[in-house]
N, C-alpha and C. Protein backbone atom coordinates (compact mmCIF):
# COMPACT_ATOMS: atom_id res chain seq x y z
N MET A 1 -9.01 -48.29 -37.04
CA MET A 1 -7.91 -48.78 -37.19
C MET A 1 -7.41 -49.05 -38.61
N ILE A 2 -8.08 -48.91 -39.31
CA ILE A 2 -7.32 -49.66 -40.98
C ILE A 2 -7.19 -48.01 -41.09
N GLY A 3 -8.26 -47.10 -40.61
CA GLY A 3 -8.34 -45.52 -41.53
C GLY A 3 -6.84 -45.27 -40.62
N HIS A 4 -6.42 -45.34 -40.00
CA HIS A 4 -4.97 -44.79 -39.17
C HIS A 4 -3.85 -45.75 -39.29
N LEU A 5 -4.37 -46.63 -40.19
CA LEU A 5 -3.04 -47.05 -40.76
C LEU A 5 -2.45 -46.74 -42.62
N SER A 6 -3.96 -46.61 -42.80
CA SER A 6 -3.82 -45.70 -44.37
C SER A 6 -3.00 -44.96 -44.03
N ARG A 7 -3.83 -43.40 -43.08
CA ARG A 7 -2.92 -42.26 -43.09
C ARG A 7 -1.55 -41.95 -43.13
N LYS A 8 -1.08 -43.27 -42.14
CA LYS A 8 0.09 -42.81 -41.64
C LYS A 8 0.89 -43.58 -43.26
N LEU A 9 0.21 -44.10 -44.20
CA LEU A 9 0.79 -44.86 -45.10
C LEU A 9 0.94 -43.94 -46.57
N ARG A 10 -0.60 -43.25 -46.24
CA ARG A 10 -0.25 -41.71 -47.20
C ARG A 10 1.05 -41.29 -47.11
N ARG A 11 1.00 -40.84 -45.78
CA ARG A 11 2.00 -39.28 -45.36
C ARG A 11 3.55 -40.05 -45.69
N PHE A 12 3.63 -41.19 -45.11
CA PHE A 12 4.29 -41.82 -45.12
C PHE A 12 5.13 -41.63 -47.13
N TRP A 13 4.16 -42.39 -48.05
CA TRP A 13 4.44 -42.21 -49.03
C TRP A 13 4.91 -40.95 -49.39
N ARG A 14 4.71 -39.66 -49.46
CA ARG A 14 4.18 -38.83 -48.97
C ARG A 14 5.55 -37.75 -49.66
N ARG A 15 6.12 -37.94 -48.67
CA ARG A 15 7.81 -37.90 -47.85
C ARG A 15 8.86 -37.54 -48.51
N GLU A 16 9.77 -37.24 -49.05
CA GLU A 16 10.92 -37.02 -49.40
C GLU A 16 11.96 -36.78 -49.13
N ASP A 17 12.39 -37.50 -47.93
CA ASP A 17 12.86 -37.33 -47.18
C ASP A 17 13.88 -39.35 -47.02
N GLY A 18 15.00 -39.08 -48.08
CA GLY A 18 16.39 -39.82 -48.14
C GLY A 18 15.81 -40.12 -50.02
N ASN A 19 14.78 -39.40 -50.48
CA ASN A 19 15.32 -39.58 -52.12
C ASN A 19 16.90 -39.07 -52.78
N VAL A 20 17.57 -38.08 -52.46
CA VAL A 20 19.09 -37.81 -52.57
C VAL A 20 19.78 -39.37 -51.92
N THR A 21 19.17 -40.55 -50.76
CA THR A 21 19.86 -41.19 -50.46
C THR A 21 20.16 -42.42 -51.57
N ILE A 22 18.48 -42.57 -52.33
CA ILE A 22 18.14 -43.41 -53.11
C ILE A 22 18.89 -43.07 -54.77
N GLU A 23 18.63 -42.58 -55.49
CA GLU A 23 19.21 -40.67 -55.81
C GLU A 23 20.88 -41.72 -56.17
N PHE A 24 21.48 -41.16 -55.32
CA PHE A 24 22.64 -42.21 -54.74
C PHE A 24 23.27 -43.31 -55.35
N VAL A 25 22.51 -43.84 -54.25
CA VAL A 25 22.39 -45.32 -53.80
C VAL A 25 22.20 -46.23 -55.88
N ILE A 26 21.73 -45.49 -56.82
CA ILE A 26 21.53 -45.41 -57.74
C ILE A 26 22.39 -45.82 -58.91
N THR A 27 23.00 -43.98 -58.83
CA THR A 27 23.38 -43.66 -59.51
C THR A 27 25.09 -43.94 -59.26
N PHE A 28 25.93 -44.20 -58.48
CA PHE A 28 27.02 -44.24 -57.88
C PHE A 28 27.33 -45.35 -58.77
N PRO A 29 27.00 -46.25 -58.48
CA PRO A 29 27.72 -47.86 -59.51
C PRO A 29 28.00 -46.97 -60.76
N ALA A 30 27.19 -46.78 -60.84
CA ALA A 30 27.60 -46.12 -62.87
C ALA A 30 28.47 -45.31 -62.97
N VAL A 31 28.78 -44.25 -62.10
CA VAL A 31 29.35 -43.11 -62.51
C VAL A 31 30.62 -43.87 -62.26
N LEU A 32 30.45 -44.43 -60.38
CA LEU A 32 31.96 -45.53 -60.49
C LEU A 32 32.11 -46.13 -61.32
N ALA A 33 32.19 -47.62 -62.16
CA ALA A 33 32.45 -48.05 -63.11
C ALA A 33 33.06 -46.90 -64.24
N VAL A 34 32.20 -46.19 -64.76
CA VAL A 34 32.78 -45.00 -65.50
C VAL A 34 34.01 -44.34 -65.25
N LEU A 35 34.30 -44.11 -64.09
CA LEU A 35 35.46 -43.31 -63.30
C LEU A 35 36.51 -44.38 -63.61
N LEU A 36 36.61 -45.21 -63.05
CA LEU A 36 37.43 -46.66 -63.14
C LEU A 36 37.69 -46.79 -64.57
N SER A 37 36.72 -46.92 -65.75
CA SER A 37 37.24 -47.44 -66.57
C SER A 37 38.08 -45.99 -67.70
N GLY A 38 38.17 -45.43 -66.75
CA GLY A 38 38.25 -43.89 -67.44
C GLY A 38 39.85 -43.74 -67.14
N ILE A 39 40.34 -44.21 -65.36
CA ILE A 39 41.15 -43.90 -65.18
C ILE A 39 42.19 -46.03 -65.63
N GLU A 40 41.73 -46.44 -66.21
CA GLU A 40 42.17 -48.03 -66.79
C GLU A 40 42.27 -47.49 -68.51
N LEU A 41 41.31 -46.90 -68.91
CA LEU A 41 41.82 -46.70 -70.26
C LEU A 41 42.90 -45.41 -69.89
N GLY A 42 43.06 -44.33 -68.79
CA GLY A 42 44.56 -43.82 -69.64
C GLY A 42 45.34 -44.77 -69.40
N PHE A 43 45.92 -45.51 -68.48
CA PHE A 43 46.88 -46.54 -68.40
C PHE A 43 46.92 -47.49 -69.44
N VAL A 44 46.02 -48.07 -69.79
CA VAL A 44 46.65 -49.27 -71.31
C VAL A 44 47.17 -47.83 -72.20
N THR A 45 46.39 -46.94 -72.56
CA THR A 45 46.88 -46.23 -73.39
C THR A 45 48.70 -45.05 -73.45
N LEU A 46 48.65 -45.36 -71.72
CA LEU A 46 50.66 -44.86 -71.40
C LEU A 46 51.29 -45.73 -72.02
N GLN A 47 50.60 -47.45 -71.52
CA GLN A 47 51.36 -48.21 -72.37
C GLN A 47 52.05 -48.50 -73.30
N GLN A 48 50.46 -48.34 -74.07
CA GLN A 48 50.66 -48.95 -75.53
C GLN A 48 51.68 -47.85 -76.13
N SER A 49 51.18 -46.16 -75.87
CA SER A 49 52.54 -45.82 -76.66
C SER A 49 53.97 -46.04 -76.12
N VAL A 50 53.77 -46.50 -75.11
CA VAL A 50 55.39 -46.19 -74.16
C VAL A 50 55.58 -47.41 -75.62
N LEU A 51 54.99 -48.65 -75.43
CA LEU A 51 55.34 -49.99 -76.13
C LEU A 51 55.79 -49.64 -78.05
N ASP A 52 54.79 -48.20 -78.02
CA ASP A 52 55.27 -48.37 -79.86
C ASP A 52 56.12 -47.62 -79.38
N ARG A 53 56.51 -46.51 -78.95
CA ARG A 53 57.54 -45.38 -78.97
C ARG A 53 58.90 -46.26 -78.74
N ALA A 54 58.95 -46.98 -77.35
CA ALA A 54 60.18 -48.19 -77.77
C ALA A 54 60.35 -48.26 -78.38
N MET A 55 59.66 -49.58 -79.18
CA MET A 55 59.64 -50.15 -80.56
C MET A 55 60.37 -49.16 -81.56
N ASP A 56 59.41 -47.78 -81.85
CA ASP A 56 59.46 -47.00 -82.58
C ASP A 56 61.70 -47.15 -82.84
N MET A 57 61.49 -46.37 -81.67
CA MET A 57 63.64 -46.10 -81.23
C MET A 57 64.42 -47.45 -81.36
N THR A 58 64.43 -48.30 -80.76
CA THR A 58 64.58 -48.95 -81.31
C THR A 58 65.23 -49.71 -83.08
N VAL A 59 64.05 -49.46 -83.56
CA VAL A 59 64.21 -49.92 -84.68
C VAL A 59 64.97 -49.21 -85.55
N ARG A 60 64.76 -47.62 -84.93
CA ARG A 60 65.65 -46.61 -85.64
C ARG A 60 67.07 -46.97 -85.58
N GLU A 61 67.79 -47.61 -84.01
CA GLU A 61 69.14 -47.54 -83.62
C GLU A 61 69.48 -49.03 -84.99
N ILE A 62 68.43 -49.93 -84.77
CA ILE A 62 69.09 -50.67 -85.56
C ILE A 62 69.48 -51.24 -86.92
N ARG A 63 68.21 -49.74 -87.54
CA ARG A 63 68.24 -50.05 -89.16
C ARG A 63 69.42 -48.48 -88.90
N LEU A 64 69.42 -47.52 -88.05
CA LEU A 64 71.00 -46.23 -88.30
C LEU A 64 72.54 -47.43 -87.95
N GLY A 65 72.70 -48.04 -87.24
CA GLY A 65 73.10 -48.98 -86.47
C GLY A 65 74.37 -49.63 -87.78
N THR A 66 74.79 -49.64 -88.67
CA THR A 66 75.36 -49.99 -89.35
C THR A 66 76.98 -51.06 -88.96
N GLY A 67 76.67 -51.99 -89.25
CA GLY A 67 77.40 -53.14 -89.15
C GLY A 67 77.91 -53.92 -88.12
N THR A 68 76.44 -53.80 -87.44
CA THR A 68 76.07 -54.07 -86.35
C THR A 68 74.48 -55.60 -86.54
N ALA A 69 74.37 -56.30 -85.62
CA ALA A 69 73.62 -56.91 -86.36
C ALA A 69 72.90 -57.37 -84.92
N PRO A 70 71.89 -56.90 -83.99
CA PRO A 70 71.54 -57.26 -82.72
C PRO A 70 70.40 -58.72 -82.49
N GLN A 71 70.94 -59.31 -81.94
CA GLN A 71 69.65 -60.83 -82.14
C GLN A 71 68.33 -60.53 -80.79
N HIS A 72 68.60 -61.03 -81.45
CA HIS A 72 67.14 -61.49 -79.78
C HIS A 72 67.00 -60.81 -78.53
N ASP A 73 67.85 -61.49 -77.78
CA ASP A 73 67.72 -60.46 -76.58
C ASP A 73 68.30 -59.28 -76.22
N ASP A 74 69.57 -58.76 -77.93
CA ASP A 74 69.47 -57.37 -77.65
C ASP A 74 68.50 -56.45 -77.83
N ILE A 75 67.55 -56.81 -78.90
CA ILE A 75 66.25 -56.14 -79.78
C ILE A 75 65.63 -55.69 -77.97
N LYS A 76 65.58 -56.87 -77.37
CA LYS A 76 64.08 -56.99 -76.55
C LYS A 76 64.80 -56.08 -75.20
N ASP A 77 66.31 -56.11 -75.09
CA ASP A 77 66.45 -55.12 -73.76
C ASP A 77 66.41 -54.61 -74.25
N MET A 78 66.83 -53.65 -75.22
CA MET A 78 66.57 -52.11 -75.72
C MET A 78 65.24 -51.16 -75.70
N ILE A 79 64.35 -52.81 -76.20
CA ILE A 79 63.35 -52.16 -75.73
C ILE A 79 62.27 -52.21 -74.86
N CYS A 80 62.78 -52.88 -73.75
CA CYS A 80 62.46 -52.88 -72.06
C CYS A 80 62.68 -51.92 -72.13
N ASP A 81 64.16 -51.21 -72.16
CA ASP A 81 65.16 -50.05 -71.51
C ASP A 81 64.62 -48.80 -71.26
N ARG A 82 63.31 -49.23 -72.44
CA ARG A 82 62.80 -47.25 -73.18
C ARG A 82 61.28 -47.40 -72.90
N ALA A 83 60.81 -48.95 -72.14
CA ALA A 83 59.25 -49.04 -72.18
C ALA A 83 59.34 -48.92 -70.46
N ALA A 84 59.72 -48.14 -69.89
CA ALA A 84 59.58 -47.83 -68.22
C ALA A 84 58.25 -48.27 -67.74
N PHE A 85 57.07 -48.07 -68.59
CA PHE A 85 55.40 -48.61 -67.91
C PHE A 85 55.28 -49.29 -67.78
N ILE A 86 55.67 -51.15 -68.62
CA ILE A 86 55.35 -52.07 -68.66
C ILE A 86 56.07 -52.93 -67.62
N ARG A 87 54.94 -53.63 -66.63
CA ARG A 87 55.80 -53.95 -65.36
C ARG A 87 57.23 -55.29 -65.43
N ASP A 88 58.12 -55.71 -65.16
CA ASP A 88 58.45 -56.95 -65.31
C ASP A 88 58.83 -56.89 -66.92
N CYS A 89 58.35 -56.13 -67.83
CA CYS A 89 58.60 -56.11 -69.36
C CYS A 89 59.59 -57.54 -69.87
N LYS A 90 61.06 -57.78 -69.52
CA LYS A 90 61.75 -58.42 -69.80
C LYS A 90 61.07 -60.20 -69.41
N SER A 91 60.29 -60.00 -68.33
CA SER A 91 59.31 -61.27 -68.54
C SER A 91 58.26 -61.45 -69.20
N SER A 92 57.25 -60.64 -69.15
CA SER A 92 56.67 -60.66 -70.18
C SER A 92 56.37 -59.81 -71.63
N LEU A 93 57.46 -60.34 -72.54
CA LEU A 93 58.00 -59.39 -73.33
C LEU A 93 58.80 -60.50 -74.91
N ARG A 94 57.43 -60.38 -75.85
CA ARG A 94 58.25 -61.30 -76.26
C ARG A 94 57.82 -61.52 -77.97
N LEU A 95 59.25 -60.75 -78.83
CA LEU A 95 59.62 -60.47 -80.21
C LEU A 95 59.45 -61.44 -80.77
N GLU A 96 58.99 -61.07 -82.38
CA GLU A 96 58.58 -61.99 -83.32
C GLU A 96 59.51 -61.64 -84.54
N MET A 97 60.66 -61.75 -85.50
CA MET A 97 60.31 -60.81 -86.66
C MET A 97 61.33 -62.02 -87.51
N ILE A 98 60.22 -61.01 -89.26
CA ILE A 98 60.61 -62.35 -90.37
C ILE A 98 61.32 -61.53 -91.58
N GLN A 99 61.56 -62.01 -92.37
CA GLN A 99 62.16 -60.82 -93.60
C GLN A 99 60.84 -60.84 -94.47
N VAL A 100 60.21 -60.31 -95.05
CA VAL A 100 59.45 -60.19 -96.07
C VAL A 100 60.07 -60.52 -97.03
N ASP A 101 59.40 -60.33 -98.64
CA ASP A 101 59.41 -60.20 -100.24
C ASP A 101 58.25 -59.44 -99.88
N PRO A 102 58.97 -57.82 -100.45
CA PRO A 102 58.10 -57.01 -101.12
C PRO A 102 57.12 -57.17 -101.87
N ARG A 103 57.35 -57.97 -102.20
CA ARG A 103 56.41 -58.85 -103.44
C ARG A 103 55.66 -59.59 -104.22
N ALA A 104 56.19 -60.39 -102.85
CA ALA A 104 54.60 -61.66 -102.27
C ALA A 104 54.46 -61.64 -100.91
N TRP A 105 54.10 -60.51 -100.22
CA TRP A 105 53.91 -60.07 -98.99
C TRP A 105 53.35 -61.09 -97.88
N THR A 106 53.71 -62.07 -97.67
CA THR A 106 53.14 -61.99 -96.46
C THR A 106 52.52 -62.55 -95.58
N GLY A 107 53.13 -61.59 -94.74
CA GLY A 107 53.80 -61.09 -93.22
C GLY A 107 53.26 -62.15 -92.58
N LEU A 108 52.87 -61.54 -90.48
CA LEU A 108 52.95 -61.87 -89.84
C LEU A 108 51.27 -63.12 -89.70
N SER A 109 51.74 -63.41 -88.55
CA SER A 109 50.32 -64.60 -88.07
C SER A 109 49.62 -63.63 -87.85
N ASP A 110 47.75 -63.98 -87.65
CA ASP A 110 46.59 -62.77 -87.68
C ASP A 110 47.24 -63.32 -85.46
N THR A 111 47.27 -64.02 -84.44
CA THR A 111 47.17 -63.82 -83.75
C THR A 111 48.17 -63.89 -83.47
N PRO A 112 48.93 -62.76 -82.48
CA PRO A 112 50.23 -62.36 -82.18
C PRO A 112 51.38 -63.67 -81.09
N ASP A 113 51.97 -63.73 -81.35
CA ASP A 113 52.59 -65.07 -79.86
C ASP A 113 52.97 -63.98 -78.76
N CYS A 114 52.54 -64.11 -77.80
CA CYS A 114 52.51 -63.57 -76.52
C CYS A 114 52.99 -64.86 -75.45
N THR A 115 53.32 -63.94 -73.80
CA THR A 115 53.62 -64.74 -73.50
C THR A 115 52.87 -65.50 -72.28
N ASP A 116 52.54 -66.34 -71.69
CA ASP A 116 51.19 -66.43 -70.78
C ASP A 116 51.58 -67.14 -70.05
N GLN A 117 52.01 -66.53 -67.93
CA GLN A 117 52.55 -66.67 -67.77
C GLN A 117 51.86 -67.91 -66.74
N SER A 118 50.91 -68.60 -67.07
CA SER A 118 49.78 -70.20 -66.51
C SER A 118 50.81 -71.20 -67.63
N GLU A 119 51.59 -70.99 -68.58
CA GLU A 119 51.59 -71.97 -68.72
C GLU A 119 53.55 -71.23 -68.58
N GLU A 120 53.64 -72.92 -68.91
CA GLU A 120 55.66 -73.25 -69.18
C GLU A 120 56.80 -71.67 -70.48
N VAL A 121 57.62 -71.06 -70.52
CA VAL A 121 58.00 -69.92 -71.44
C VAL A 121 58.64 -71.10 -72.85
N SER A 122 57.97 -70.05 -73.96
CA SER A 122 58.39 -71.50 -75.02
C SER A 122 59.77 -70.53 -75.85
N PRO A 123 60.05 -71.47 -77.01
CA PRO A 123 61.18 -71.09 -77.01
C PRO A 123 60.65 -69.87 -77.97
N VAL A 124 62.01 -69.31 -78.66
CA VAL A 124 61.93 -67.59 -79.87
C VAL A 124 60.85 -68.89 -80.44
N ARG A 125 59.86 -67.59 -80.82
CA ARG A 125 58.88 -68.33 -81.81
C ARG A 125 59.64 -67.90 -83.77
N ASN A 126 59.60 -66.71 -83.85
CA ASN A 126 60.42 -66.86 -85.44
C ASN A 126 61.01 -65.42 -85.45
N PHE A 127 62.57 -65.57 -85.61
CA PHE A 127 63.40 -64.04 -84.80
C PHE A 127 64.33 -65.08 -85.96
N VAL A 128 64.84 -63.38 -87.60
CA VAL A 128 65.03 -63.57 -88.30
C VAL A 128 66.13 -62.66 -88.36
N ASN A 129 67.09 -62.81 -88.45
CA ASN A 129 68.04 -61.50 -88.55
C ASN A 129 68.36 -60.88 -90.47
N GLY A 130 67.44 -60.80 -90.39
CA GLY A 130 68.30 -60.02 -91.82
C GLY A 130 69.12 -59.89 -92.71
N GLN A 131 69.40 -59.65 -93.59
CA GLN A 131 70.65 -59.20 -94.97
C GLN A 131 70.03 -58.10 -94.62
N GLU A 132 71.59 -57.10 -94.95
CA GLU A 132 71.08 -55.77 -96.45
C GLU A 132 69.58 -55.63 -97.55
N ASN A 133 69.32 -54.41 -97.29
CA ASN A 133 68.18 -54.89 -97.92
C ASN A 133 66.55 -55.34 -97.86
N ASP A 134 66.54 -56.57 -97.06
CA ASP A 134 66.06 -56.70 -95.87
C ASP A 134 64.85 -56.27 -95.26
N LEU A 135 63.53 -56.37 -96.18
CA LEU A 135 62.48 -55.79 -95.42
C LEU A 135 62.31 -56.59 -94.55
N MET A 136 62.29 -56.15 -93.37
CA MET A 136 61.82 -57.09 -92.02
C MET A 136 60.96 -56.69 -91.48
N VAL A 137 59.79 -57.86 -90.45
CA VAL A 137 58.81 -57.06 -89.45
C VAL A 137 58.15 -57.27 -88.34
N LEU A 138 58.70 -56.63 -87.80
CA LEU A 138 59.20 -56.47 -86.28
C LEU A 138 58.11 -56.95 -85.24
N ARG A 139 57.25 -57.71 -84.36
CA ARG A 139 56.38 -57.48 -83.91
C ARG A 139 56.37 -57.83 -82.33
N ALA A 140 56.22 -57.06 -81.25
CA ALA A 140 56.53 -57.55 -80.33
C ALA A 140 55.01 -57.17 -79.38
N CYS A 141 54.96 -57.90 -77.96
CA CYS A 141 53.54 -58.82 -77.88
C CYS A 141 54.42 -59.15 -75.77
N ALA A 142 53.43 -57.65 -75.08
CA ALA A 142 53.77 -57.61 -74.18
C ALA A 142 52.08 -57.94 -73.00
N MET A 143 52.72 -58.78 -72.16
CA MET A 143 50.96 -58.77 -71.17
C MET A 143 51.17 -58.29 -70.07
N VAL A 144 50.43 -58.00 -69.62
CA VAL A 144 50.00 -56.39 -68.42
C VAL A 144 48.76 -57.20 -67.50
N ASP A 145 49.15 -56.31 -66.42
CA ASP A 145 47.75 -56.63 -65.79
C ASP A 145 46.98 -55.60 -65.52
N PRO A 146 45.42 -56.22 -65.91
CA PRO A 146 44.54 -54.72 -65.49
C PRO A 146 44.90 -53.65 -63.88
N ILE A 147 44.13 -52.27 -64.42
CA ILE A 147 44.32 -52.03 -62.87
C ILE A 147 43.04 -52.18 -61.73
N PHE A 148 41.81 -52.20 -62.94
CA PHE A 148 40.96 -53.03 -61.61
C PHE A 148 39.99 -54.26 -62.28
N PRO A 149 40.76 -55.09 -62.57
CA PRO A 149 40.81 -56.04 -63.62
C PRO A 149 39.01 -56.72 -63.25
N THR A 150 38.32 -56.30 -62.33
CA THR A 150 37.15 -56.60 -62.09
C THR A 150 35.61 -55.29 -62.90
N THR A 151 36.46 -54.39 -63.29
CA THR A 151 35.45 -53.36 -63.20
C THR A 151 35.68 -52.52 -64.75
N GLY A 152 34.17 -52.49 -64.85
CA GLY A 152 34.40 -50.98 -65.94
C GLY A 152 34.97 -52.01 -67.26
N LEU A 153 36.10 -51.33 -67.82
CA LEU A 153 36.39 -51.97 -69.13
C LEU A 153 37.91 -52.95 -68.36
N GLY A 154 38.20 -53.07 -68.07
CA GLY A 154 39.65 -54.13 -66.84
C GLY A 154 38.57 -54.98 -66.63
N GLY A 155 37.10 -55.70 -66.98
CA GLY A 155 36.72 -56.33 -66.49
C GLY A 155 36.31 -56.85 -67.87
N SER A 156 36.39 -56.33 -68.64
CA SER A 156 35.72 -56.52 -70.01
C SER A 156 37.01 -57.02 -71.04
N LEU A 157 37.93 -56.79 -71.24
CA LEU A 157 39.87 -56.16 -71.73
C LEU A 157 39.32 -58.26 -71.74
N VAL A 158 39.41 -59.24 -72.88
CA VAL A 158 40.29 -59.89 -73.40
C VAL A 158 41.25 -60.35 -72.65
N LYS A 159 41.56 -61.46 -71.57
CA LYS A 159 42.35 -62.38 -70.91
C LYS A 159 42.68 -63.64 -70.88
N ASP A 160 43.75 -63.64 -70.20
CA ASP A 160 44.38 -64.95 -70.54
C ASP A 160 44.03 -66.00 -68.91
N ALA A 161 44.55 -66.96 -69.29
CA ALA A 161 44.02 -67.66 -67.87
C ALA A 161 44.88 -66.82 -66.64
N TYR A 162 45.53 -66.29 -66.83
CA TYR A 162 46.84 -65.59 -64.96
C TYR A 162 45.86 -63.68 -65.42
N GLY A 163 44.97 -63.12 -66.03
CA GLY A 163 44.02 -62.62 -65.93
C GLY A 163 44.75 -61.62 -66.44
N GLN A 164 45.69 -61.67 -67.67
CA GLN A 164 46.63 -60.49 -68.50
C GLN A 164 46.03 -60.73 -69.35
N PHE A 165 45.69 -59.16 -69.98
CA PHE A 165 45.79 -59.03 -71.24
C PHE A 165 46.95 -58.84 -72.04
N SER A 166 46.69 -58.75 -73.48
CA SER A 166 48.18 -58.08 -74.35
C SER A 166 48.62 -57.17 -75.21
N LEU A 167 49.15 -56.63 -75.01
CA LEU A 167 49.66 -55.08 -75.52
C LEU A 167 50.46 -55.24 -76.72
N THR A 168 50.52 -54.78 -78.53
CA THR A 168 51.11 -55.78 -79.17
C THR A 168 51.50 -54.77 -80.43
N SER A 169 52.48 -55.02 -80.78
CA SER A 169 52.70 -53.19 -81.33
C SER A 169 53.88 -54.04 -82.33
N THR A 170 53.69 -53.77 -84.13
CA THR A 170 54.08 -54.18 -84.69
C THR A 170 54.61 -52.94 -85.75
N THR A 171 55.93 -53.73 -86.67
CA THR A 171 56.52 -52.20 -87.31
C THR A 171 57.06 -52.88 -88.46
N VAL A 172 57.41 -52.31 -89.38
CA VAL A 172 58.20 -52.50 -90.50
C VAL A 172 59.00 -51.64 -91.19
N PHE A 173 61.00 -52.01 -91.51
CA PHE A 173 61.42 -51.79 -91.59
C PHE A 173 62.52 -52.23 -92.64
N VAL A 174 63.69 -51.44 -92.81
CA VAL A 174 64.31 -52.14 -94.01
C VAL A 174 65.93 -51.73 -93.68
N GLN A 175 66.77 -53.20 -93.90
CA GLN A 175 67.93 -53.46 -92.98
C GLN A 175 68.24 -52.29 -93.88
N GLU A 176 69.74 -51.49 -93.40
CA GLU A 176 70.52 -50.74 -94.24
C GLU A 176 71.78 -51.35 -94.73
N PRO A 177 72.79 -51.19 -95.48
CA PRO A 177 73.40 -51.91 -96.18
C PRO A 177 74.66 -51.74 -95.43
N ARG A 178 75.07 -51.88 -95.13
CA ARG A 178 76.42 -52.14 -94.57
C ARG A 178 77.98 -51.83 -95.10
């Protein structure tokens, strides 16, 4: 009886049926995580590039638009009109602009002031319209949702309480004479 059972077990262990299934079960989650992380990275890069380009085009318009001094809401509208891939841009974008002295550089704080949809909207943090020949620093921060929030790259992004991560873009420009 024991010999019969041991022969059947030996035959069972020698069979190679199902090897592919086991390999698939072991490797598929890793391959899927890499695939989803690649898609997530592509969309994050696309949104970051769109935000950077919108900032560049808007700042160029501010610099070349002599005689006009666009206010916070105007600049925000210009950026959001150009940032097509950032969902709900006007409510998720926060701007910060300060005048800096090039000889005594202070710059902006290290942590950007982003909107947090789990909190009440706070007023404009720091927004100073410059005068002629002033050096200005403009920073935009947008909160966006990851595509795959629990898998791969989407799971490892630093997110707020609402599950969004921040995209920031900073630029420096000089106000042209009027």
